[in-house]
Structures are given as C-alpha cells and as structure tokens.
Amino acid sequence: MINPAKIEEIAKQISSNMPQGVKNLADTFEAKTKQAIQSKLSEMDFVSREEFDIQSKVLIRTREKLTELEEKVALLEQQLANKDDA
C-alpha cells in the first residue's frame, strides 16, 4: 500500500537540502523523517490500489444490474398499463 521507495526518496530529498553544517546529522535525520512519514501515513485512512480496483468492479456490476432492473420495472409497468387500458 505505502511505497517504501517513495518515502525513502522524500527523506533523501529533505536531507540533501539541509545546510552543510548539518549534513553530518543527515543519517539520523533521514531515519527520523522516514519514521515520522510512515507513522503519519499509517494513521491516514487509505485503501490499496487492489481494493480500489475491486470496489470499482463491484460498482460497475451493481450499476449494470440496476439498469437491468430499471428496464424490467419499466416493462412491467407498461404491461400493467396495457392491461388497465384493455
């Protein structure tokens, strides 16, 4: 779900932009940054791409079934109206 490579890339970008005098703390800062980002991301309510795709397919099938049922109801209503006219 959470791409560790992306988190590492963000942490490296942050540490590479630090002033020269602080560069010796970059390793510690990078580790703490990764930890903080991972912690915050884990608190967020994300769904995996796989779960999203599955739910999208379920929604498509549900819409198709709804359309099918709407057509059947319309046909039944039309048949009922024709019986009332006869």
Protein backbone atom coordinates (compact mmCIF):
# COMPACT_ATOMS: atom_id res chain seq x y z
CA MET A 1 0.00 0.00 0.00
CA ILE A 2 2.60 2.58 1.05
CA ASN A 3 5.60 2.65 -1.25
CA PRO A 4 8.75 2.50 0.92
CA ALA A 5 10.91 3.61 -2.00
CA LYS A 6 8.89 6.83 -2.32
CA ILE A 7 9.23 7.52 1.41
CA GLU A 8 12.97 6.96 1.18
CA GLU A 9 13.17 9.29 -1.82
CA ILE A 10 11.33 12.05 0.07
CA ALA A 11 13.56 11.61 3.11
CA LYS A 12 16.71 11.80 0.94
CA GLN A 13 15.46 14.96 -0.79
CA ILE A 14 14.85 16.59 2.58
CA SER A 15 18.26 15.61 3.92
CA SER A 16 20.10 16.65 0.73
CA ASN A 17 18.66 20.16 1.02
CA MET A 18 19.97 20.65 4.54
CA PRO A 19 22.76 23.19 5.21
CA GLN A 20 26.34 21.87 5.02
CA GLY A 21 26.90 22.21 8.78
CA VAL A 22 24.01 19.88 9.48
CA LYS A 23 24.91 17.24 6.85
CA ASN A 24 26.65 15.07 9.47
CA LEU A 25 23.24 14.61 11.09
CA ALA A 26 21.66 13.60 7.78
CA ASP A 27 21.61 9.87 8.50
CA THR A 28 19.82 10.34 11.80
CA PHE A 29 17.53 12.95 10.31
CA GLU A 30 16.73 10.69 7.34
CA ALA A 31 15.81 7.79 9.61
CA LYS A 32 13.64 10.02 11.82
CA THR A 33 12.00 11.58 8.75
CA LYS A 34 11.17 8.14 7.33
CA GLN A 35 9.77 7.06 10.66
CA ALA A 36 7.64 10.20 11.00
CA ILE A 37 6.29 9.96 7.43
CA GLN A 38 5.49 6.27 7.78
CA SER A 39 3.76 6.94 11.09
CA LYS A 40 1.60 9.73 9.67
CA LEU A 41 0.75 7.79 6.52
CA SER A 42 -0.28 4.76 8.56
CA GLU A 43 -2.70 6.98 10.51
CA MET A 44 -4.43 8.03 7.30
CA ASP A 45 -7.35 6.02 6.00
CA PHE A 46 -6.02 4.90 2.62
CA VAL A 47 -7.18 1.93 0.61
CA SER A 48 -4.86 -0.15 -1.52
CA ARG A 49 -5.00 0.09 -5.29
CA GLU A 50 -6.12 -3.54 -5.38
CA GLU A 51 -9.02 -2.83 -3.01
CA PHE A 52 -9.97 0.26 -5.04
CA ASP A 53 -9.99 -1.74 -8.29
CA ILE A 54 -12.11 -4.49 -6.73
CA GLN A 55 -14.65 -1.97 -5.42
CA SER A 56 -14.73 -0.24 -8.82
CA LYS A 57 -15.60 -3.55 -10.49
CA VAL A 58 -18.31 -4.20 -7.91
CA LEU A 59 -19.75 -0.75 -8.56
CA ILE A 60 -19.78 -1.33 -12.33
CA ARG A 61 -21.61 -4.65 -11.89
CA THR A 62 -24.07 -3.01 -9.50
CA ARG A 63 -24.80 -0.22 -11.99
CA GLU A 64 -25.33 -2.79 -14.76
CA LYS A 65 -27.74 -4.76 -12.55
CA LEU A 66 -29.59 -1.56 -11.60
CA THR A 67 -30.02 -0.63 -15.26
CA GLU A 68 -31.28 -4.12 -16.00
CA LEU A 69 -33.79 -3.96 -13.14
CA GLU A 70 -34.96 -0.48 -14.20
CA GLU A 71 -35.67 -1.84 -17.68
CA LYS A 72 -37.63 -4.78 -16.23
CA VAL A 73 -39.69 -2.45 -14.00
CA ALA A 74 -40.45 -0.19 -16.96
CA LEU A 75 -41.58 -3.20 -19.00
CA LEU A 76 -43.78 -4.46 -16.17
CA GLU A 77 -45.28 -1.00 -15.70
CA GLN A 78 -46.00 -0.83 -19.43
CA GLN A 79 -47.64 -4.29 -19.37
CA LEU A 80 -49.72 -3.27 -16.36
CA ALA A 81 -50.80 -0.05 -18.09
CA ASN A 82 -51.77 -2.01 -21.22
CA LYS A 83 -53.91 -4.40 -19.13
CA ASP A 84 -55.68 -1.46 -17.50
CA ASP A 85 -56.42 0.04 -20.94
CA ALA A 86 -57.88 -3.22 -22.26
